Amino acid sequence: MDFTEAVTSVFSNYAVFKGRARRSEFWWFTLFSVLASFVLAFVDYLLFGHEILSTLFALGTLLPMLAVTIRRLHDVDRSGWWIFIGLIPLIGAIILLYWYISEGTSGANQFGPPA
């Protein structure tokens, strides 16, 4: 899956929390979100002096980012509720990062067939 396919896939599954998301889909969309946030923050600084566009972008992509993150956890055979482990300082973030970079389960798992 390339960059445009990943972004299109995430936005077409805007609030779909079922199923699985491959690593490429998750990481390409994460890259898109980070790059767009930086660009919009720069434009906000030049035009307005405070964050308007970047805040609207963050609100608009909050649900799809949450959905693709939960589908990514499903791909490594974890429930979406495991996202809350990120609330544990440092250790939670390390565990989530490990799952995000891990290869998904081959074949079907409890969350469905591979994406």
N, C-alpha and C. Protein backbone atom coordinates (compact mmCIF):
# COMPACT_ATOMS: atom_id res chain seq x y z
N MET A 1 0.86 -1.17 0.00
CA MET A 1 0.00 0.00 0.00
C MET A 1 0.90 1.23 0.00
N ASP A 2 0.62 2.15 -0.92
CA ASP A 2 1.43 3.36 -0.98
C ASP A 2 0.74 4.49 -0.21
N PHE A 3 1.37 5.66 -0.24
CA PHE A 3 0.92 6.81 0.55
C PHE A 3 -0.53 7.19 0.22
N THR A 4 -0.83 7.39 -1.05
CA THR A 4 -2.17 7.84 -1.42
C THR A 4 -3.24 6.78 -1.15
N GLU A 5 -2.90 5.52 -1.37
CA GLU A 5 -3.85 4.44 -1.07
C GLU A 5 -4.16 4.39 0.43
N ALA A 6 -3.13 4.57 1.24
CA ALA A 6 -3.31 4.51 2.69
C ALA A 6 -4.20 5.65 3.18
N VAL A 7 -3.92 6.87 2.73
CA VAL A 7 -4.71 8.02 3.15
C VAL A 7 -6.15 7.87 2.67
N THR A 8 -6.33 7.45 1.44
CA THR A 8 -7.67 7.23 0.89
C THR A 8 -8.40 6.15 1.67
N SER A 9 -7.70 5.07 1.98
CA SER A 9 -8.31 3.97 2.73
C SER A 9 -8.77 4.42 4.11
N VAL A 10 -7.93 5.17 4.80
CA VAL A 10 -8.29 5.61 6.15
C VAL A 10 -9.48 6.56 6.11
N PHE A 11 -9.49 7.49 5.16
CA PHE A 11 -10.62 8.42 5.09
C PHE A 11 -11.89 7.74 4.58
N SER A 12 -11.77 6.70 3.76
CA SER A 12 -12.97 6.00 3.32
C SER A 12 -13.52 5.11 4.43
N ASN A 13 -12.68 4.74 5.38
CA ASN A 13 -13.12 4.00 6.58
C ASN A 13 -13.07 4.94 7.78
N TYR A 14 -13.65 6.11 7.64
CA TYR A 14 -13.52 7.23 8.57
C TYR A 14 -13.72 6.83 10.03
N ALA A 15 -14.77 6.10 10.31
CA ALA A 15 -15.07 5.71 11.69
C ALA A 15 -15.34 4.21 11.78
N VAL A 16 -14.58 3.42 11.04
CA VAL A 16 -14.74 1.96 11.06
C VAL A 16 -13.72 1.39 12.04
N PHE A 17 -14.23 0.82 13.11
CA PHE A 17 -13.35 0.29 14.15
C PHE A 17 -13.23 -1.23 14.07
N LYS A 18 -13.91 -1.85 13.13
CA LYS A 18 -13.83 -3.30 12.95
C LYS A 18 -12.84 -3.60 11.84
N GLY A 19 -12.28 -4.79 11.89
CA GLY A 19 -11.34 -5.20 10.86
C GLY A 19 -9.91 -4.94 11.26
N ARG A 20 -9.04 -4.96 10.26
CA ARG A 20 -7.61 -4.87 10.51
C ARG A 20 -6.97 -3.85 9.58
N ALA A 21 -5.88 -3.25 10.04
CA ALA A 21 -5.12 -2.29 9.23
C ALA A 21 -3.66 -2.73 9.21
N ARG A 22 -3.10 -2.82 8.01
CA ARG A 22 -1.70 -3.20 7.87
C ARG A 22 -0.79 -2.10 8.37
N ARG A 23 0.46 -2.47 8.61
CA ARG A 23 1.45 -1.49 9.06
C ARG A 23 1.55 -0.33 8.10
N SER A 24 1.58 -0.61 6.81
CA SER A 24 1.76 0.46 5.83
C SER A 24 0.61 1.47 5.90
N GLU A 25 -0.61 1.00 6.06
CA GLU A 25 -1.75 1.91 6.16
C GLU A 25 -1.62 2.81 7.38
N PHE A 26 -1.29 2.22 8.50
CA PHE A 26 -1.15 2.98 9.74
C PHE A 26 -0.02 4.01 9.65
N TRP A 27 1.17 3.57 9.21
CA TRP A 27 2.33 4.47 9.21
C TRP A 27 2.25 5.53 8.13
N TRP A 28 1.70 5.21 6.96
CA TRP A 28 1.53 6.24 5.93
C TRP A 28 0.55 7.30 6.40
N PHE A 29 -0.53 6.89 7.04
CA PHE A 29 -1.49 7.88 7.53
C PHE A 29 -0.89 8.70 8.66
N THR A 30 -0.09 8.09 9.50
CA THR A 30 0.59 8.84 10.55
C THR A 30 1.51 9.88 9.95
N LEU A 31 2.28 9.50 8.93
CA LEU A 31 3.15 10.46 8.24
C LEU A 31 2.34 11.60 7.63
N PHE A 32 1.23 11.26 6.98
CA PHE A 32 0.36 12.29 6.41
C PHE A 32 -0.11 13.26 7.49
N SER A 33 -0.54 12.75 8.62
CA SER A 33 -1.03 13.59 9.71
C SER A 33 0.04 14.52 10.25
N VAL A 34 1.23 14.00 10.43
CA VAL A 34 2.33 14.81 10.97
C VAL A 34 2.72 15.90 9.97
N LEU A 35 2.90 15.52 8.70
CA LEU A 35 3.28 16.51 7.69
C LEU A 35 2.21 17.59 7.51
N ALA A 36 0.96 17.18 7.44
CA ALA A 36 -0.12 18.15 7.28
C ALA A 36 -0.21 19.07 8.50
N SER A 37 0.02 18.54 9.68
CA SER A 37 0.00 19.37 10.89
C SER A 37 1.10 20.42 10.87
N PHE A 38 2.30 20.02 10.46
CA PHE A 38 3.39 20.98 10.37
C PHE A 38 3.11 22.07 9.34
N VAL A 39 2.63 21.67 8.18
CA VAL A 39 2.33 22.65 7.13
C VAL A 39 1.23 23.60 7.59
N LEU A 40 0.17 23.07 8.16
CA LEU A 40 -0.92 23.92 8.61
C LEU A 40 -0.52 24.82 9.78
N ALA A 41 0.34 24.34 10.66
CA ALA A 41 0.83 25.18 11.76
C ALA A 41 1.65 26.34 11.21
N PHE A 42 2.46 26.08 10.18
CA PHE A 42 3.25 27.13 9.55
C PHE A 42 2.34 28.15 8.87
N VAL A 43 1.33 27.67 8.14
CA VAL A 43 0.38 28.58 7.47
C VAL A 43 -0.39 29.38 8.52
N ASP A 44 -0.80 28.75 9.60
CA ASP A 44 -1.48 29.45 10.69
C ASP A 44 -0.61 30.57 11.25
N TYR A 45 0.65 30.26 11.45
CA TYR A 45 1.57 31.26 12.01
C TYR A 45 1.70 32.46 11.06
N LEU A 46 1.81 32.18 9.76
CA LEU A 46 1.96 33.26 8.79
C LEU A 46 0.69 34.09 8.63
N LEU A 47 -0.46 33.44 8.60
CA LEU A 47 -1.71 34.15 8.32
C LEU A 47 -2.41 34.71 9.55
N PHE A 48 -2.44 33.93 10.62
CA PHE A 48 -3.28 34.31 11.75
C PHE A 48 -2.52 34.62 13.03
N GLY A 49 -1.34 34.08 13.19
CA GLY A 49 -0.60 34.27 14.43
C GLY A 49 -1.00 33.31 15.53
N HIS A 50 -2.04 32.55 15.31
CA HIS A 50 -2.44 31.50 16.25
C HIS A 50 -3.06 30.35 15.46
N GLU A 51 -3.23 29.22 16.10
CA GLU A 51 -3.62 27.99 15.40
C GLU A 51 -5.13 27.93 15.15
N ILE A 52 -5.49 27.97 13.90
CA ILE A 52 -6.89 27.82 13.51
C ILE A 52 -7.03 26.60 12.60
N LEU A 53 -6.32 26.62 11.48
CA LEU A 53 -6.40 25.53 10.51
C LEU A 53 -5.87 24.22 11.08
N SER A 54 -4.77 24.29 11.81
CA SER A 54 -4.20 23.06 12.37
C SER A 54 -5.12 22.45 13.43
N THR A 55 -5.83 23.29 14.16
CA THR A 55 -6.78 22.79 15.14
C THR A 55 -7.96 22.11 14.45
N LEU A 56 -8.46 22.73 13.39
CA LEU A 56 -9.55 22.11 12.63
C LEU A 56 -9.12 20.80 12.00
N PHE A 57 -7.88 20.75 11.49
CA PHE A 57 -7.36 19.51 10.92
C PHE A 57 -7.26 18.43 12.00
N ALA A 58 -6.76 18.79 13.17
CA ALA A 58 -6.62 17.82 14.26
C ALA A 58 -7.98 17.26 14.67
N LEU A 59 -8.97 18.12 14.74
CA LEU A 59 -10.32 17.66 15.09
C LEU A 59 -10.90 16.78 13.99
N GLY A 60 -10.63 17.13 12.73
CA GLY A 60 -11.16 16.37 11.61
C GLY A 60 -10.52 15.01 11.43
N THR A 61 -9.29 14.86 11.88
CA THR A 61 -8.59 13.58 11.72
C THR A 61 -8.51 12.76 13.01
N LEU A 62 -9.09 13.27 14.07
CA LEU A 62 -9.05 12.55 15.35
C LEU A 62 -9.74 11.19 15.24
N LEU A 63 -10.94 11.16 14.71
CA LEU A 63 -11.69 9.90 14.60
C LEU A 63 -11.04 8.91 13.64
N PRO A 64 -10.62 9.33 12.43
CA PRO A 64 -9.96 8.36 11.55
C PRO A 64 -8.64 7.85 12.13
N MET A 65 -7.90 8.70 12.83
CA MET A 65 -6.64 8.25 13.42
C MET A 65 -6.91 7.23 14.53
N LEU A 66 -7.93 7.48 15.32
CA LEU A 66 -8.30 6.53 16.36
C LEU A 66 -8.76 5.21 15.74
N ALA A 67 -9.53 5.29 14.67
CA ALA A 67 -10.04 4.08 14.01
C ALA A 67 -8.89 3.26 13.42
N VAL A 68 -7.96 3.90 12.71
CA VAL A 68 -6.86 3.15 12.10
C VAL A 68 -5.93 2.59 13.18
N THR A 69 -5.80 3.29 14.29
CA THR A 69 -4.97 2.78 15.39
C THR A 69 -5.60 1.52 16.00
N ILE A 70 -6.89 1.54 16.20
CA ILE A 70 -7.56 0.37 16.75
C ILE A 70 -7.52 -0.79 15.76
N ARG A 71 -7.70 -0.50 14.47
CA ARG A 71 -7.59 -1.57 13.48
C ARG A 71 -6.17 -2.11 13.41
N ARG A 72 -5.17 -1.26 13.65
CA ARG A 72 -3.77 -1.72 13.69
C ARG A 72 -3.57 -2.67 14.86
N LEU A 73 -4.14 -2.35 16.01
CA LEU A 73 -4.05 -3.25 17.16
C LEU A 73 -4.75 -4.57 16.86
N HIS A 74 -5.86 -4.51 16.14
CA HIS A 74 -6.55 -5.75 15.74
C HIS A 74 -5.65 -6.61 14.86
N ASP A 75 -4.83 -5.97 14.02
CA ASP A 75 -3.96 -6.72 13.12
C ASP A 75 -2.91 -7.54 13.89
N VAL A 76 -2.51 -7.07 15.06
CA VAL A 76 -1.56 -7.82 15.87
C VAL A 76 -2.29 -8.64 16.94
N ASP A 77 -3.60 -8.86 16.71
CA ASP A 77 -4.45 -9.70 17.56
C ASP A 77 -4.60 -9.15 18.97
N ARG A 78 -4.76 -7.84 19.06
CA ARG A 78 -5.02 -7.17 20.34
C ARG A 78 -6.35 -6.44 20.24
N SER A 79 -7.06 -6.36 21.33
CA SER A 79 -8.29 -5.61 21.38
C SER A 79 -7.98 -4.11 21.28
N GLY A 80 -8.92 -3.36 20.76
CA GLY A 80 -8.74 -1.91 20.68
C GLY A 80 -8.62 -1.25 22.04
N TRP A 81 -9.12 -1.92 23.07
CA TRP A 81 -9.03 -1.36 24.42
C TRP A 81 -7.58 -1.25 24.90
N TRP A 82 -6.68 -1.98 24.25
CA TRP A 82 -5.27 -1.90 24.63
C TRP A 82 -4.68 -0.53 24.36
N ILE A 83 -5.38 0.31 23.63
CA ILE A 83 -4.88 1.66 23.37
C ILE A 83 -4.70 2.43 24.67
N PHE A 84 -5.48 2.07 25.68
CA PHE A 84 -5.38 2.77 26.97
C PHE A 84 -4.11 2.45 27.73
N ILE A 85 -3.35 1.45 27.29
CA ILE A 85 -2.07 1.17 27.94
C ILE A 85 -1.12 2.35 27.71
N GLY A 86 -1.40 3.14 26.70
CA GLY A 86 -0.61 4.33 26.43
C GLY A 86 -0.70 5.37 27.54
N LEU A 87 -1.66 5.23 28.42
CA LEU A 87 -1.78 6.17 29.55
C LEU A 87 -0.72 5.91 30.62
N ILE A 88 -0.09 4.75 30.59
CA ILE A 88 1.00 4.46 31.52
C ILE A 88 2.25 5.18 30.99
N PRO A 89 2.81 6.09 31.77
CA PRO A 89 3.96 6.87 31.27
C PRO A 89 5.11 5.97 30.81
N LEU A 90 5.66 6.29 29.68
CA LEU A 90 6.82 5.68 29.03
C LEU A 90 6.61 4.21 28.67
N ILE A 91 6.32 3.36 29.63
CA ILE A 91 6.16 1.93 29.38
C ILE A 91 5.01 1.68 28.41
N GLY A 92 3.89 2.35 28.61
CA GLY A 92 2.74 2.18 27.74
C GLY A 92 3.04 2.59 26.31
N ALA A 93 3.75 3.70 26.16
CA ALA A 93 4.11 4.17 24.81
C ALA A 93 5.06 3.20 24.13
N ILE A 94 5.98 2.63 24.87
CA ILE A 94 6.93 1.67 24.30
C ILE A 94 6.20 0.40 23.85
N ILE A 95 5.28 -0.08 24.67
CA ILE A 95 4.52 -1.27 24.31
C ILE A 95 3.68 -1.01 23.07
N LEU A 96 2.99 0.14 23.01
CA LEU A 96 2.19 0.46 21.83
C LEU A 96 3.06 0.58 20.59
N LEU A 97 4.20 1.23 20.71
CA LEU A 97 5.10 1.37 19.57
C LEU A 97 5.55 0.01 19.07
N TYR A 98 5.85 -0.89 19.98
CA TYR A 98 6.24 -2.25 19.60
C TYR A 98 5.13 -2.93 18.80
N TRP A 99 3.88 -2.80 19.27
CA TRP A 99 2.77 -3.41 18.55
C TRP A 99 2.54 -2.74 17.20
N TYR A 100 2.72 -1.42 17.14
CA TYR A 100 2.52 -0.70 15.87
C TYR A 100 3.54 -1.12 14.82
N ILE A 101 4.76 -1.45 15.25
CA ILE A 101 5.79 -1.82 14.27
C ILE A 101 5.86 -3.33 14.03
N SER A 102 5.15 -4.10 14.83
CA SER A 102 5.16 -5.56 14.67
C SER A 102 4.36 -5.97 13.44
N GLU A 103 4.77 -7.07 12.86
CA GLU A 103 4.02 -7.62 11.73
C GLU A 103 2.71 -8.19 12.25
N GLY A 104 1.66 -8.02 11.48
CA GLY A 104 0.35 -8.54 11.87
C GLY A 104 0.33 -10.05 11.81
N THR A 105 -0.68 -10.63 12.42
CA THR A 105 -0.80 -12.09 12.39
C THR A 105 -1.09 -12.54 10.97
N SER A 106 -0.44 -13.62 10.57
CA SER A 106 -0.68 -14.14 9.22
C SER A 106 -1.97 -14.94 9.25
N GLY A 107 -2.76 -14.77 8.24
CA GLY A 107 -4.04 -15.46 8.21
C GLY A 107 -5.06 -14.73 9.06
N ALA A 108 -6.21 -15.34 9.17
CA ALA A 108 -7.30 -14.73 9.93
C ALA A 108 -7.03 -14.82 11.43
N ASN A 109 -7.49 -13.83 12.15
CA ASN A 109 -7.47 -13.87 13.61
C ASN A 109 -8.88 -13.55 14.10
N GLN A 110 -9.03 -13.29 15.38
CA GLN A 110 -10.37 -13.05 15.93
C GLN A 110 -11.03 -11.79 15.39
N PHE A 111 -10.25 -10.92 14.71
CA PHE A 111 -10.79 -9.68 14.18
C PHE A 111 -11.02 -9.73 12.67
N GLY A 112 -10.81 -10.88 12.07
CA GLY A 112 -11.10 -11.05 10.66
C GLY A 112 -9.87 -11.41 9.84
N PRO A 113 -10.06 -11.46 8.52
CA PRO A 113 -8.94 -11.80 7.63
C PRO A 113 -7.98 -10.62 7.51
N PRO A 114 -6.76 -10.88 7.03
CA PRO A 114 -5.81 -9.77 6.85
C PRO A 114 -6.36 -8.71 5.90
N ALA A 115 -5.99 -7.49 6.15
CA ALA A 115 -6.46 -6.37 5.32
C ALA A 115 -5.81 -6.39 3.97
